[in-house]
Amino acid sequence: MNEIHQLGEQIGTKLARAEELGATGEVEESLRFLEEVENLKKEKQGLELEFRNSISASSYQQQKLRVCEVCSAYLGIHDNDRRLADHFGGKLHVGFIKIREKLTELREIVDEKLKKREKEREERNRRG
């Protein structure tokens, strides 16, 4: 099931990227991404079929939503690829990615400053 979600995320991300490339005039690169999307769709459909055949109909009906690991939005497990691409290219999802990247960057800066401060403190203790 997790693999199906990951494929859905990859499909959505690659579709959004293909649109970006197409909009900037990089048609060949965009077509390459669309070809990858088609291959991923086929793989996802095969896994979905396996999954549906492996569980009962009642439990299948109960598992219609999942939570996006990036932005915590609810996504339907059967959302079409266009909807997934819209989600992964959306402001909320992209915003959470940027926030996490900035947080990582700020943590690195704080760690560097703490190390520098500790080093200065050790040097002062040696002198004094």
N, C-alpha and C. Protein backbone atom coordinates (compact mmCIF):
# COMPACT_ATOMS: atom_id res chain seq x y z
N MET A 1 0.83 -1.19 0.00
CA MET A 1 0.00 0.00 0.00
C MET A 1 0.87 1.25 0.00
N ASN A 2 1.92 1.22 0.81
CA ASN A 2 2.82 2.36 0.88
C ASN A 2 3.50 2.61 -0.46
N GLU A 3 3.83 1.53 -1.15
CA GLU A 3 4.47 1.64 -2.45
C GLU A 3 3.54 2.32 -3.46
N ILE A 4 2.25 2.04 -3.37
CA ILE A 4 1.26 2.67 -4.24
C ILE A 4 1.24 4.18 -3.99
N HIS A 5 1.27 4.57 -2.71
CA HIS A 5 1.28 5.99 -2.37
C HIS A 5 2.54 6.67 -2.90
N GLN A 6 3.66 6.00 -2.75
CA GLN A 6 4.92 6.59 -3.23
C GLN A 6 4.89 6.76 -4.75
N LEU A 7 4.34 5.78 -5.45
CA LEU A 7 4.22 5.91 -6.90
C LEU A 7 3.30 7.07 -7.26
N GLY A 8 2.20 7.21 -6.52
CA GLY A 8 1.29 8.32 -6.76
C GLY A 8 1.98 9.66 -6.57
N GLU A 9 2.79 9.75 -5.53
CA GLU A 9 3.53 10.99 -5.28
C GLU A 9 4.54 11.25 -6.40
N GLN A 10 5.22 10.21 -6.84
CA GLN A 10 6.19 10.37 -7.93
C GLN A 10 5.49 10.82 -9.21
N ILE A 11 4.34 10.23 -9.48
CA ILE A 11 3.58 10.59 -10.67
C ILE A 11 3.18 12.07 -10.60
N GLY A 12 2.64 12.47 -9.46
CA GLY A 12 2.22 13.86 -9.30
C GLY A 12 3.38 14.83 -9.43
N THR A 13 4.49 14.51 -8.82
CA THR A 13 5.67 15.38 -8.87
C THR A 13 6.20 15.48 -10.29
N LYS A 14 6.29 14.34 -10.97
CA LYS A 14 6.82 14.34 -12.33
C LYS A 14 5.87 15.05 -13.30
N LEU A 15 4.56 14.91 -13.08
CA LEU A 15 3.61 15.63 -13.93
C LEU A 15 3.76 17.14 -13.75
N ALA A 16 3.89 17.57 -12.51
CA ALA A 16 4.06 18.99 -12.24
C ALA A 16 5.35 19.50 -12.88
N ARG A 17 6.42 18.70 -12.78
CA ARG A 17 7.71 19.08 -13.37
C ARG A 17 7.61 19.14 -14.89
N ALA A 18 6.90 18.18 -15.49
CA ALA A 18 6.73 18.17 -16.95
C ALA A 18 5.99 19.43 -17.40
N GLU A 19 4.99 19.85 -16.64
CA GLU A 19 4.26 21.08 -16.97
C GLU A 19 5.18 22.29 -16.90
N GLU A 20 6.00 22.35 -15.85
CA GLU A 20 6.94 23.47 -15.71
C GLU A 20 7.89 23.53 -16.90
N LEU A 21 8.45 22.37 -17.25
CA LEU A 21 9.39 22.32 -18.37
C LEU A 21 8.71 22.70 -19.68
N GLY A 22 7.50 22.21 -19.88
CA GLY A 22 6.76 22.56 -21.09
C GLY A 22 6.49 24.05 -21.17
N ALA A 23 6.17 24.66 -20.04
CA ALA A 23 5.88 26.09 -20.00
C ALA A 23 7.12 26.93 -20.29
N THR A 24 8.30 26.40 -19.96
CA THR A 24 9.53 27.15 -20.22
C THR A 24 10.13 26.81 -21.58
N GLY A 25 9.45 25.98 -22.37
CA GLY A 25 9.90 25.68 -23.72
C GLY A 25 10.81 24.47 -23.83
N GLU A 26 11.05 23.76 -22.75
CA GLU A 26 11.91 22.58 -22.78
C GLU A 26 11.04 21.35 -23.08
N VAL A 27 10.58 21.28 -24.31
CA VAL A 27 9.59 20.28 -24.71
C VAL A 27 10.14 18.86 -24.64
N GLU A 28 11.37 18.65 -25.12
CA GLU A 28 11.93 17.29 -25.12
C GLU A 28 12.05 16.74 -23.70
N GLU A 29 12.55 17.58 -22.79
CA GLU A 29 12.69 17.16 -21.39
C GLU A 29 11.31 16.89 -20.79
N SER A 30 10.34 17.73 -21.15
CA SER A 30 8.98 17.55 -20.66
C SER A 30 8.40 16.22 -21.14
N LEU A 31 8.63 15.90 -22.39
CA LEU A 31 8.15 14.63 -22.95
C LEU A 31 8.81 13.44 -22.27
N ARG A 32 10.08 13.59 -21.91
CA ARG A 32 10.77 12.51 -21.20
C ARG A 32 10.10 12.26 -19.84
N PHE A 33 9.74 13.34 -19.14
CA PHE A 33 9.06 13.20 -17.86
C PHE A 33 7.69 12.54 -18.06
N LEU A 34 6.98 12.92 -19.12
CA LEU A 34 5.66 12.35 -19.37
C LEU A 34 5.76 10.85 -19.67
N GLU A 35 6.83 10.46 -20.35
CA GLU A 35 7.05 9.04 -20.62
C GLU A 35 7.28 8.27 -19.31
N GLU A 36 8.07 8.87 -18.41
CA GLU A 36 8.29 8.26 -17.09
C GLU A 36 6.98 8.14 -16.33
N VAL A 37 6.13 9.17 -16.44
CA VAL A 37 4.83 9.17 -15.76
C VAL A 37 3.98 8.01 -16.27
N GLU A 38 3.97 7.79 -17.57
CA GLU A 38 3.19 6.69 -18.14
C GLU A 38 3.66 5.34 -17.61
N ASN A 39 4.98 5.17 -17.51
CA ASN A 39 5.52 3.91 -16.96
C ASN A 39 5.14 3.74 -15.49
N LEU A 40 5.21 4.83 -14.74
CA LEU A 40 4.84 4.77 -13.33
C LEU A 40 3.34 4.48 -13.16
N LYS A 41 2.52 5.04 -14.04
CA LYS A 41 1.06 4.79 -13.99
C LYS A 41 0.77 3.30 -14.17
N LYS A 42 1.46 2.70 -15.15
CA LYS A 42 1.25 1.27 -15.40
C LYS A 42 1.65 0.44 -14.18
N GLU A 43 2.78 0.79 -13.60
CA GLU A 43 3.26 0.08 -12.41
C GLU A 43 2.27 0.25 -11.26
N LYS A 44 1.76 1.48 -11.09
CA LYS A 44 0.82 1.77 -10.01
C LYS A 44 -0.48 0.99 -10.22
N GLN A 45 -0.98 0.94 -11.44
CA GLN A 45 -2.22 0.21 -11.72
C GLN A 45 -2.07 -1.27 -11.38
N GLY A 46 -0.90 -1.83 -11.72
CA GLY A 46 -0.66 -3.23 -11.39
C GLY A 46 -0.66 -3.47 -9.89
N LEU A 47 -0.01 -2.58 -9.14
CA LEU A 47 0.04 -2.72 -7.69
C LEU A 47 -1.34 -2.51 -7.06
N GLU A 48 -2.12 -1.56 -7.61
CA GLU A 48 -3.48 -1.34 -7.09
C GLU A 48 -4.35 -2.57 -7.30
N LEU A 49 -4.21 -3.19 -8.44
CA LEU A 49 -4.98 -4.40 -8.73
C LEU A 49 -4.60 -5.52 -7.76
N GLU A 50 -3.30 -5.68 -7.53
CA GLU A 50 -2.84 -6.67 -6.56
C GLU A 50 -3.41 -6.39 -5.17
N PHE A 51 -3.39 -5.11 -4.79
CA PHE A 51 -3.86 -4.71 -3.47
C PHE A 51 -5.36 -4.99 -3.34
N ARG A 52 -6.14 -4.61 -4.34
CA ARG A 52 -7.59 -4.83 -4.30
C ARG A 52 -7.93 -6.31 -4.20
N ASN A 53 -7.17 -7.12 -4.88
CA ASN A 53 -7.42 -8.56 -4.86
C ASN A 53 -7.00 -9.20 -3.54
N SER A 54 -6.12 -8.53 -2.80
CA SER A 54 -5.60 -9.12 -1.57
C SER A 54 -6.44 -8.78 -0.33
N ILE A 55 -7.38 -7.83 -0.43
CA ILE A 55 -8.18 -7.46 0.74
C ILE A 55 -9.66 -7.62 0.44
N SER A 56 -10.45 -7.70 1.51
CA SER A 56 -11.89 -7.85 1.33
C SER A 56 -12.51 -6.54 0.86
N ALA A 57 -13.69 -6.62 0.28
CA ALA A 57 -14.36 -5.44 -0.25
C ALA A 57 -14.70 -4.43 0.84
N SER A 58 -15.10 -4.90 2.02
CA SER A 58 -15.49 -3.98 3.09
C SER A 58 -14.30 -3.17 3.60
N SER A 59 -13.15 -3.81 3.78
CA SER A 59 -12.00 -3.05 4.26
C SER A 59 -11.45 -2.15 3.16
N TYR A 60 -11.65 -2.52 1.91
CA TYR A 60 -11.24 -1.68 0.79
C TYR A 60 -12.02 -0.37 0.80
N GLN A 61 -13.30 -0.45 1.10
CA GLN A 61 -14.15 0.74 1.15
C GLN A 61 -13.75 1.69 2.28
N GLN A 62 -13.22 1.15 3.37
CA GLN A 62 -12.85 1.98 4.52
C GLN A 62 -11.54 2.73 4.30
N GLN A 63 -10.72 2.33 3.37
CA GLN A 63 -9.40 2.93 3.17
C GLN A 63 -9.39 3.87 1.97
N LYS A 64 -10.26 4.86 1.99
CA LYS A 64 -10.36 5.75 0.84
C LYS A 64 -9.44 6.96 0.92
N LEU A 65 -9.02 7.34 2.12
CA LEU A 65 -8.18 8.52 2.28
C LEU A 65 -6.85 8.16 2.91
N ARG A 66 -5.86 8.97 2.62
CA ARG A 66 -4.56 8.87 3.27
C ARG A 66 -4.08 10.29 3.51
N VAL A 67 -3.11 10.42 4.38
CA VAL A 67 -2.58 11.73 4.72
C VAL A 67 -1.26 11.95 3.99
N CYS A 68 -1.12 13.11 3.36
CA CYS A 68 0.14 13.46 2.70
C CYS A 68 1.21 13.64 3.77
N GLU A 69 2.35 12.98 3.60
CA GLU A 69 3.40 13.03 4.61
C GLU A 69 4.10 14.39 4.66
N VAL A 70 3.95 15.19 3.63
CA VAL A 70 4.61 16.50 3.59
C VAL A 70 3.74 17.57 4.25
N CYS A 71 2.47 17.65 3.83
CA CYS A 71 1.64 18.78 4.29
C CYS A 71 0.42 18.36 5.10
N SER A 72 0.24 17.08 5.33
CA SER A 72 -0.87 16.54 6.13
C SER A 72 -2.24 16.70 5.51
N ALA A 73 -2.31 17.01 4.24
CA ALA A 73 -3.60 17.09 3.56
C ALA A 73 -4.12 15.67 3.30
N TYR A 74 -5.43 15.53 3.26
CA TYR A 74 -6.02 14.23 2.93
C TYR A 74 -6.01 14.05 1.42
N LEU A 75 -5.56 12.90 0.98
CA LEU A 75 -5.56 12.55 -0.44
C LEU A 75 -6.34 11.27 -0.61
N GLY A 76 -7.18 11.22 -1.61
CA GLY A 76 -7.88 9.99 -1.91
C GLY A 76 -6.92 9.00 -2.53
N ILE A 77 -7.01 7.75 -2.09
CA ILE A 77 -6.06 6.77 -2.64
C ILE A 77 -6.37 6.47 -4.10
N HIS A 78 -7.53 6.87 -4.56
CA HIS A 78 -7.89 6.62 -5.96
C HIS A 78 -7.96 7.92 -6.76
N ASP A 79 -7.37 8.99 -6.24
CA ASP A 79 -7.34 10.25 -6.98
C ASP A 79 -6.64 10.04 -8.31
N ASN A 80 -7.13 10.72 -9.33
CA ASN A 80 -6.47 10.58 -10.62
C ASN A 80 -5.15 11.35 -10.60
N ASP A 81 -4.31 11.07 -11.55
CA ASP A 81 -2.97 11.62 -11.57
C ASP A 81 -2.97 13.13 -11.74
N ARG A 82 -3.95 13.65 -12.42
CA ARG A 82 -4.06 15.11 -12.60
C ARG A 82 -4.28 15.78 -11.24
N ARG A 83 -5.15 15.21 -10.45
CA ARG A 83 -5.42 15.76 -9.12
C ARG A 83 -4.18 15.66 -8.22
N LEU A 84 -3.48 14.55 -8.29
CA LEU A 84 -2.25 14.39 -7.52
C LEU A 84 -1.20 15.41 -7.95
N ALA A 85 -1.08 15.62 -9.26
CA ALA A 85 -0.11 16.60 -9.76
C ALA A 85 -0.47 18.00 -9.25
N ASP A 86 -1.76 18.31 -9.25
CA ASP A 86 -2.20 19.61 -8.73
C ASP A 86 -1.85 19.74 -7.25
N HIS A 87 -2.03 18.64 -6.50
CA HIS A 87 -1.70 18.69 -5.08
C HIS A 87 -0.21 18.92 -4.86
N PHE A 88 0.63 18.11 -5.54
CA PHE A 88 2.07 18.18 -5.30
C PHE A 88 2.68 19.48 -5.84
N GLY A 89 2.01 20.14 -6.76
CA GLY A 89 2.49 21.42 -7.25
C GLY A 89 1.79 22.59 -6.58
N GLY A 90 0.88 22.29 -5.64
CA GLY A 90 0.08 23.32 -4.99
C GLY A 90 0.85 24.14 -3.97
N LYS A 91 0.28 25.30 -3.65
CA LYS A 91 0.94 26.24 -2.74
C LYS A 91 1.18 25.65 -1.36
N LEU A 92 0.21 24.94 -0.82
CA LEU A 92 0.33 24.39 0.53
C LEU A 92 1.46 23.36 0.59
N HIS A 93 1.44 22.41 -0.34
CA HIS A 93 2.43 21.34 -0.36
C HIS A 93 3.83 21.91 -0.58
N VAL A 94 3.96 22.76 -1.58
CA VAL A 94 5.26 23.37 -1.90
C VAL A 94 5.72 24.26 -0.74
N GLY A 95 4.77 24.95 -0.12
CA GLY A 95 5.10 25.80 1.03
C GLY A 95 5.69 25.01 2.18
N PHE A 96 5.10 23.85 2.47
CA PHE A 96 5.64 23.01 3.54
C PHE A 96 7.04 22.52 3.21
N ILE A 97 7.28 22.20 1.96
CA ILE A 97 8.62 21.77 1.54
C ILE A 97 9.62 22.90 1.78
N LYS A 98 9.24 24.12 1.37
CA LYS A 98 10.13 25.28 1.56
C LYS A 98 10.38 25.55 3.03
N ILE A 99 9.34 25.44 3.85
CA ILE A 99 9.49 25.66 5.29
C ILE A 99 10.48 24.66 5.88
N ARG A 100 10.33 23.39 5.50
CA ARG A 100 11.24 22.37 6.04
C ARG A 100 12.67 22.59 5.57
N GLU A 101 12.83 23.01 4.31
CA GLU A 101 14.18 23.28 3.81
C GLU A 101 14.80 24.45 4.58
N LYS A 102 14.01 25.50 4.81
CA LYS A 102 14.50 26.67 5.54
C LYS A 102 14.83 26.29 6.98
N LEU A 103 14.00 25.45 7.59
CA LEU A 103 14.25 25.00 8.95
C LEU A 103 15.59 24.26 9.04
N THR A 104 15.85 23.40 8.09
CA THR A 104 17.11 22.66 8.05
C THR A 104 18.28 23.64 7.92
N GLU A 105 18.12 24.60 7.03
CA GLU A 105 19.16 25.62 6.82
C GLU A 105 19.42 26.41 8.11
N LEU A 106 18.35 26.83 8.77
CA LEU A 106 18.50 27.60 10.01
C LEU A 106 19.13 26.77 11.13
N ARG A 107 18.77 25.50 11.19
CA ARG A 107 19.36 24.62 12.20
C ARG A 107 20.87 24.49 11.99
N GLU A 108 21.28 24.40 10.73
CA GLU A 108 22.71 24.31 10.42
C GLU A 108 23.43 25.58 10.85
N ILE A 109 22.81 26.73 10.60
CA ILE A 109 23.40 28.01 11.00
C ILE A 109 23.54 28.09 12.51
N VAL A 110 22.49 27.70 13.22
CA VAL A 110 22.52 27.71 14.69
C VAL A 110 23.60 26.77 15.20
N ASP A 111 23.69 25.58 14.62
CA ASP A 111 24.72 24.62 15.04
C ASP A 111 26.12 25.19 14.84
N GLU A 112 26.34 25.85 13.68
CA GLU A 112 27.64 26.45 13.41
C GLU A 112 27.96 27.53 14.44
N LYS A 113 26.99 28.37 14.75
CA LYS A 113 27.20 29.45 15.72
C LYS A 113 27.47 28.88 17.11
N LEU A 114 26.75 27.83 17.49
CA LEU A 114 26.99 27.21 18.79
C LEU A 114 28.40 26.62 18.87
N LYS A 115 28.83 25.97 17.80
CA LYS A 115 30.18 25.40 17.77
C LYS A 115 31.22 26.51 17.86
N LYS A 116 31.00 27.59 17.13
CA LYS A 116 31.92 28.73 17.15
C LYS A 116 31.98 29.33 18.55
N ARG A 117 30.82 29.50 19.18
CA ARG A 117 30.75 30.07 20.52
C ARG A 117 31.47 29.17 21.53
N GLU A 118 31.26 27.86 21.39
CA GLU A 118 31.92 26.91 22.29
C GLU A 118 33.43 26.95 22.10
N LYS A 119 33.87 27.06 20.87
CA LYS A 119 35.29 27.13 20.57
C LYS A 119 35.90 28.39 21.18
N GLU A 120 35.20 29.53 21.04
CA GLU A 120 35.68 30.79 21.63
C GLU A 120 35.73 30.68 23.15
N ARG A 121 34.76 30.04 23.74
CA ARG A 121 34.71 29.86 25.19
C ARG A 121 35.90 29.01 25.67
N GLU A 122 36.22 27.96 24.93
CA GLU A 122 37.36 27.11 25.27
C GLU A 122 38.67 27.88 25.17
N GLU A 123 38.79 28.72 24.14
CA GLU A 123 40.01 29.51 23.97
C GLU A 123 40.17 30.51 25.13
N ARG A 124 39.08 31.13 25.55
CA ARG A 124 39.11 32.09 26.66
C ARG A 124 39.51 31.37 27.97
N ASN A 125 39.00 30.16 28.15
CA ASN A 125 39.32 29.38 29.36
C ASN A 125 40.80 29.00 29.38
N ARG A 126 41.37 28.73 28.23
CA ARG A 126 42.79 28.38 28.15
C ARG A 126 43.67 29.58 28.50
N ARG A 127 43.27 30.76 28.01
CA ARG A 127 44.05 31.98 28.24
C ARG A 127 43.93 32.45 29.69
N GLY A 128 42.71 32.34 30.20
CA GLY A 128 42.43 32.91 31.52
C GLY A 128 42.57 31.96 32.60
